[in-house]
Amino acid sequence: MNLYLIGYRGSGKTTVAEELARLLGWKWLDADEEIERRAGTTIKEIFTTSGEQSFRDLETTVIADLALLNGHVIALGGGAVLREVSRVAIRASGKVVWLQASPAVLFQRISGDASTAERRPNLTAAGGLAEVERLLAIRGPIYAACADLTLNAEASLPAELARRIAVWLKS
């Protein structure tokens, strides 16, 4: 069994995954980093040169491969659950936790992270807070339907979120 962390960019998935894996004695992976490793370039560059469809195809392949693992905490990209085939693979191979945060908090976190602009593309023409609000309106119900547990990622530090997930998983 794996444990998957889902949520919008900036929700803390990677940070929580690393801490949670330490608590559980598991390995951890960031799906976006695995995509970049396989592609030999950044996600932003994949979007620019090949388009979103090509990125989503590679993401789907990576998720299918990660679902074959066992005993891993896996931080998924914000759009990883958009395809039904990926949701099925994730649900069949583990538990899913949604790290939820408001558009304003997510935008603040994304804006404060210099590597985000370098490695991640805008997903709408609007960009900014409007993009976060629009995409969360679409993705929120998908995250909710996929999640076994939803945690407010605004109110707690990553270490506390990891502890709460570990307690939940062991119960």
C-alpha atoms as a PDB file:
ATOM      1  CA  MET A   1       0.000   0.000   0.000  1.00  0.00           C
ATOM      2  CA  ASN A   2       1.076   3.560  -0.765  1.00  0.00           C
ATOM      3  CA  LEU A   3      -0.121   6.849   0.618  1.00  0.00           C
ATOM      4  CA  TYR A   4      -0.826   9.583  -1.921  1.00  0.00           C
ATOM      5  CA  LEU A   5      -0.942  13.288  -1.150  1.00  0.00           C
ATOM      6  CA  ILE A   6      -3.127  15.314  -3.492  1.00  0.00           C
ATOM      7  CA  GLY A   7      -4.009  18.977  -3.695  1.00  0.00           C
ATOM      8  CA  TYR A   8      -3.262  22.141  -5.553  1.00  0.00           C
ATOM      9  CA  ARG A   9       0.259  23.406  -6.180  1.00  0.00           C
ATOM     10  CA  GLY A  10       1.556  25.038  -3.002  1.00  0.00           C
ATOM     11  CA  SER A  11      -0.517  22.936  -0.599  1.00  0.00           C
ATOM     12  CA  GLY A  12       2.598  21.382   0.951  1.00  0.00           C
ATOM     13  CA  LYS A  13       2.432  17.912  -0.568  1.00  0.00           C
ATOM     14  CA  THR A  14       6.172  17.444  -1.074  1.00  0.00           C
ATOM     15  CA  THR A  15       7.154  18.808   2.338  1.00  0.00           C
ATOM     16  CA  VAL A  16       4.532  16.708   4.121  1.00  0.00           C
ATOM     17  CA  ALA A  17       5.460  13.611   2.068  1.00  0.00           C
ATOM     18  CA  GLU A  18       9.077  13.774   3.165  1.00  0.00           C
ATOM     19  CA  GLU A  19       8.179  14.158   6.849  1.00  0.00           C
ATOM     20  CA  LEU A  20       5.435  11.528   6.708  1.00  0.00           C
ATOM     21  CA  ALA A  21       7.755   8.991   5.100  1.00  0.00           C
ATOM     22  CA  ARG A  22      10.246   9.591   7.901  1.00  0.00           C
ATOM     23  CA  LEU A  23       7.557   8.990  10.532  1.00  0.00           C
ATOM     24  CA  LEU A  24       6.319   5.810   8.849  1.00  0.00           C
ATOM     25  CA  GLY A  25       9.736   4.459   7.911  1.00  0.00           C
ATOM     26  CA  TRP A  26       8.651   4.462   4.259  1.00  0.00           C
ATOM     27  CA  LYS A  27      10.250   5.873   1.123  1.00  0.00           C
ATOM     28  CA  TRP A  28       8.825   8.971  -0.528  1.00  0.00           C
ATOM     29  CA  LEU A  29       8.608  10.284  -4.068  1.00  0.00           C
ATOM     30  CA  ASP A  30       7.456  13.450  -5.768  1.00  0.00           C
ATOM     31  CA  ALA A  31       5.607  12.503  -8.975  1.00  0.00           C
ATOM     32  CA  ASP A  32       6.448  15.813 -10.662  1.00  0.00           C
ATOM     33  CA  GLU A  33      10.152  15.261  -9.976  1.00  0.00           C
ATOM     34  CA  GLU A  34       9.858  11.764 -11.463  1.00  0.00           C
ATOM     35  CA  ILE A  35       8.191  13.216 -14.570  1.00  0.00           C
ATOM     36  CA  GLU A  36      10.996  15.756 -14.935  1.00  0.00           C
ATOM     37  CA  ARG A  37      13.621  13.048 -14.429  1.00  0.00           C
ATOM     38  CA  ARG A  38      12.118  10.868 -17.152  1.00  0.00           C
ATOM     39  CA  ALA A  39      11.612  13.778 -19.548  1.00  0.00           C
ATOM     40  CA  GLY A  40      15.029  15.268 -18.855  1.00  0.00           C
ATOM     41  CA  THR A  41      13.493  18.726 -18.551  1.00  0.00           C
ATOM     42  CA  THR A  42      11.109  20.817 -16.469  1.00  0.00           C
ATOM     43  CA  ILE A  43       7.349  20.524 -16.524  1.00  0.00           C
ATOM     44  CA  LYS A  44       7.206  24.108 -17.769  1.00  0.00           C
ATOM     45  CA  GLU A  45       9.379  23.143 -20.742  1.00  0.00           C
ATOM     46  CA  ILE A  46       7.228  20.079 -21.486  1.00  0.00           C
ATOM     47  CA  PHE A  47       4.156  22.329 -21.584  1.00  0.00           C
ATOM     48  CA  THR A  48       5.962  24.854 -23.798  1.00  0.00           C
ATOM     49  CA  THR A  49       7.412  22.411 -26.319  1.00  0.00           C
ATOM     50  CA  SER A  50       4.907  19.553 -26.332  1.00  0.00           C
ATOM     51  CA  GLY A  51       1.717  20.899 -24.756  1.00  0.00           C
ATOM     52  CA  GLU A  52      -0.445  19.919 -21.820  1.00  0.00           C
ATOM     53  CA  GLN A  53      -1.747  16.733 -23.482  1.00  0.00           C
ATOM     54  CA  SER A  54       1.789  15.328 -23.810  1.00  0.00           C
ATOM     55  CA  PHE A  55       2.522  16.244 -20.213  1.00  0.00           C
ATOM     56  CA  ARG A  56      -0.690  14.553 -19.002  1.00  0.00           C
ATOM     57  CA  ASP A  57       0.175  11.429 -21.023  1.00  0.00           C
ATOM     58  CA  LEU A  58       3.587  11.204 -19.348  1.00  0.00           C
ATOM     59  CA  GLU A  59       2.017  11.947 -15.958  1.00  0.00           C
ATOM     60  CA  THR A  60      -0.483   9.108 -16.468  1.00  0.00           C
ATOM     61  CA  THR A  61       2.348   6.686 -17.276  1.00  0.00           C
ATOM     62  CA  VAL A  62       4.347   7.774 -14.231  1.00  0.00           C
ATOM     63  CA  ILE A  63       1.321   7.390 -11.942  1.00  0.00           C
ATOM     64  CA  ALA A  64       0.661   3.885 -13.296  1.00  0.00           C
ATOM     65  CA  ASP A  65       4.283   2.968 -12.558  1.00  0.00           C
ATOM     66  CA  LEU A  66       4.236   4.517  -9.073  1.00  0.00           C
ATOM     67  CA  ALA A  67       1.047   2.606  -8.279  1.00  0.00           C
ATOM     68  CA  LEU A  68       3.055  -0.617  -8.634  1.00  0.00           C
ATOM     69  CA  LEU A  69       5.244   0.377  -5.685  1.00  0.00           C
ATOM     70  CA  ASN A  70       4.521  -0.475  -2.070  1.00  0.00           C
ATOM     71  CA  GLY A  71       5.284   1.379   1.140  1.00  0.00           C
ATOM     72  CA  HIS A  72       5.785   4.793  -0.437  1.00  0.00           C
ATOM     73  CA  VAL A  73       4.450   8.228   0.357  1.00  0.00           C
ATOM     74  CA  ILE A  74       3.856   9.873  -3.015  1.00  0.00           C
ATOM     75  CA  ALA A  75       3.283  13.587  -3.549  1.00  0.00           C
ATOM     76  CA  LEU A  76       1.237  13.923  -6.723  1.00  0.00           C
ATOM     77  CA  GLY A  77       1.070  16.951  -8.986  1.00  0.00           C
ATOM     78  CA  GLY A  78      -1.939  19.227  -8.679  1.00  0.00           C
ATOM     79  CA  GLY A  79      -3.581  17.862 -11.825  1.00  0.00           C
ATOM     80  CA  ALA A  80      -2.639  14.217 -11.334  1.00  0.00           C
ATOM     81  CA  VAL A  81      -6.189  13.184 -10.462  1.00  0.00           C
ATOM     82  CA  LEU A  82      -7.801  14.797 -13.503  1.00  0.00           C
ATOM     83  CA  ARG A  83      -7.780  11.559 -15.512  1.00  0.00           C
ATOM     84  CA  GLU A  84     -10.041   8.742 -14.389  1.00  0.00           C
ATOM     85  CA  VAL A  85      -7.401   6.115 -15.196  1.00  0.00           C
ATOM     86  CA  SER A  86      -5.014   7.787 -12.751  1.00  0.00           C
ATOM     87  CA  ARG A  87      -7.673   8.056 -10.043  1.00  0.00           C
ATOM     88  CA  VAL A  88      -8.399   4.337 -10.411  1.00  0.00           C
ATOM     89  CA  ALA A  89      -4.689   3.434 -10.161  1.00  0.00           C
ATOM     90  CA  ILE A  90      -4.211   5.624  -7.112  1.00  0.00           C
ATOM     91  CA  ARG A  91      -7.274   4.356  -5.281  1.00  0.00           C
ATOM     92  CA  ALA A  92      -6.457   0.716  -6.061  1.00  0.00           C
ATOM     93  CA  SER A  93      -2.941   0.986  -4.654  1.00  0.00           C
ATOM     94  CA  GLY A  94      -3.310   3.025  -1.508  1.00  0.00           C
ATOM     95  CA  LYS A  95      -4.909   5.711   0.591  1.00  0.00           C
ATOM     96  CA  VAL A  96      -5.360   9.301  -0.549  1.00  0.00           C
ATOM     97  CA  VAL A  97      -5.053  12.467   1.538  1.00  0.00           C
ATOM     98  CA  TRP A  98      -6.111  15.867   0.198  1.00  0.00           C
ATOM     99  CA  LEU A  99      -4.133  18.795   1.589  1.00  0.00           C
ATOM    100  CA  GLN A 100      -6.702  21.543   1.215  1.00  0.00           C
ATOM    101  CA  ALA A 101      -6.081  25.293   1.317  1.00  0.00           C
ATOM    102  CA  SER A 102      -7.869  28.413   0.140  1.00  0.00           C
ATOM    103  CA  PRO A 103      -7.027  30.029  -3.201  1.00  0.00           C
ATOM    104  CA  ALA A 104      -5.597  33.083  -1.412  1.00  0.00           C
ATOM    105  CA  VAL A 105      -3.211  31.011   0.719  1.00  0.00           C
ATOM    106  CA  LEU A 106      -2.169  28.853  -2.229  1.00  0.00           C
ATOM    107  CA  PHE A 107      -1.503  31.906  -4.380  1.00  0.00           C
ATOM    108  CA  GLN A 108       0.548  33.489  -1.589  1.00  0.00           C
ATOM    109  CA  ARG A 109       2.655  30.331  -1.230  1.00  0.00           C
ATOM    110  CA  ILE A 110       3.133  29.907  -4.982  1.00  0.00           C
ATOM    111  CA  SER A 111       4.094  33.559  -5.387  1.00  0.00           C
ATOM    112  CA  GLY A 112       6.697  33.224  -2.636  1.00  0.00           C
ATOM    113  CA  ASP A 113       8.392  30.200  -4.225  1.00  0.00           C
ATOM    114  CA  ALA A 114      10.924  31.226  -6.879  1.00  0.00           C
ATOM    115  CA  SER A 115      11.298  27.673  -8.213  1.00  0.00           C
ATOM    116  CA  THR A 116       7.590  27.516  -9.073  1.00  0.00           C
ATOM    117  CA  ALA A 117       7.879  30.126 -11.824  1.00  0.00           C
ATOM    118  CA  GLU A 118      10.971  28.403 -13.219  1.00  0.00           C
ATOM    119  CA  ARG A 119       9.603  24.854 -13.214  1.00  0.00           C
ATOM    120  CA  ARG A 120       5.808  25.124 -13.456  1.00  0.00           C
ATOM    121  CA  PRO A 121       3.670  26.714 -16.178  1.00  0.00           C
ATOM    122  CA  ASN A 122       0.622  28.905 -15.791  1.00  0.00           C
ATOM    123  CA  LEU A 123      -2.339  26.704 -16.631  1.00  0.00           C
ATOM    124  CA  THR A 124      -4.693  29.441 -17.798  1.00  0.00           C
ATOM    125  CA  ALA A 125      -4.243  32.689 -19.686  1.00  0.00           C
ATOM    126  CA  ALA A 126      -5.273  34.621 -16.572  1.00  0.00           C
ATOM    127  CA  GLY A 127      -2.555  33.324 -14.247  1.00  0.00           C
ATOM    128  CA  GLY A 128      -2.353  34.636 -10.695  1.00  0.00           C
ATOM    129  CA  LEU A 129      -5.079  34.338  -8.100  1.00  0.00           C
ATOM    130  CA  ALA A 130      -7.763  34.114 -10.804  1.00  0.00           C
ATOM    131  CA  GLU A 131      -6.101  30.959 -12.152  1.00  0.00           C
ATOM    132  CA  VAL A 132      -5.953  29.349  -8.711  1.00  0.00           C
ATOM    133  CA  GLU A 133      -9.616  30.165  -8.054  1.00  0.00           C
ATOM    134  CA  ARG A 134     -10.769  28.874 -11.438  1.00  0.00           C
ATOM    135  CA  LEU A 135      -8.785  25.644 -11.305  1.00  0.00           C
ATOM    136  CA  LEU A 136      -9.728  24.924  -7.682  1.00  0.00           C
ATOM    137  CA  ALA A 137     -13.389  25.300  -8.625  1.00  0.00           C
ATOM    138  CA  ILE A 138     -12.844  22.513 -11.169  1.00  0.00           C
ATOM    139  CA  ARG A 139     -10.426  20.343  -9.206  1.00  0.00           C
ATOM    140  CA  GLY A 140     -11.892  20.699  -5.715  1.00  0.00           C
ATOM    141  CA  PRO A 141     -14.773  18.267  -6.297  1.00  0.00           C
ATOM    142  CA  ILE A 142     -12.353  15.787  -7.900  1.00  0.00           C
ATOM    143  CA  TYR A 143      -9.952  16.046  -4.962  1.00  0.00           C
ATOM    144  CA  ALA A 144     -12.864  15.567  -2.543  1.00  0.00           C
ATOM    145  CA  ALA A 145     -14.178  12.495  -4.366  1.00  0.00           C
ATOM    146  CA  CYS A 146     -10.733  10.907  -4.496  1.00  0.00           C
ATOM    147  CA  ALA A 147      -9.670  11.584  -0.900  1.00  0.00           C
ATOM    148  CA  ASP A 148      -9.954   9.162   1.998  1.00  0.00           C
ATOM    149  CA  LEU A 149      -8.952  12.013   4.317  1.00  0.00           C
ATOM    150  CA  THR A 150      -9.026  15.791   3.876  1.00  0.00           C
ATOM    151  CA  LEU A 151      -6.851  18.052   6.012  1.00  0.00           C
ATOM    152  CA  ASN A 152      -6.734  21.825   6.204  1.00  0.00           C
ATOM    153  CA  ALA A 153      -3.179  22.590   5.109  1.00  0.00           C
ATOM    154  CA  GLU A 154      -3.436  26.218   6.237  1.00  0.00           C
ATOM    155  CA  ALA A 155      -3.856  25.680   9.963  1.00  0.00           C
ATOM    156  CA  SER A 156      -0.952  23.337  10.737  1.00  0.00           C
ATOM    157  CA  LEU A 157       2.744  23.076  10.033  1.00  0.00           C
ATOM    158  CA  PRO A 158       3.850  20.264   7.687  1.00  0.00           C
ATOM    159  CA  ALA A 159       5.230  18.209  10.596  1.00  0.00           C
ATOM    160  CA  GLU A 160       1.858  18.355  12.363  1.00  0.00           C
ATOM    161  CA  LEU A 161       0.006  17.386   9.183  1.00  0.00           C
ATOM    162  CA  ALA A 162       2.379  14.445   8.736  1.00  0.00           C
ATOM    163  CA  ARG A 163       1.824  13.360  12.342  1.00  0.00           C
ATOM    164  CA  ARG A 164      -1.957  13.522  11.942  1.00  0.00           C
ATOM    165  CA  ILE A 165      -1.825  11.483   8.737  1.00  0.00           C
ATOM    166  CA  ALA A 166       0.420   8.869  10.382  1.00  0.00           C
ATOM    167  CA  VAL A 167      -1.982   8.529  13.323  1.00  0.00           C
ATOM    168  CA  TRP A 168      -4.949   8.238  10.938  1.00  0.00           C
ATOM    169  CA  LEU A 169      -3.172   5.652   8.778  1.00  0.00           C
ATOM    170  CA  LYS A 170      -2.292   3.489  11.772  1.00  0.00           C
ATOM    171  CA  SER A 171      -5.816   3.611  13.223  1.00  0.00           C
END
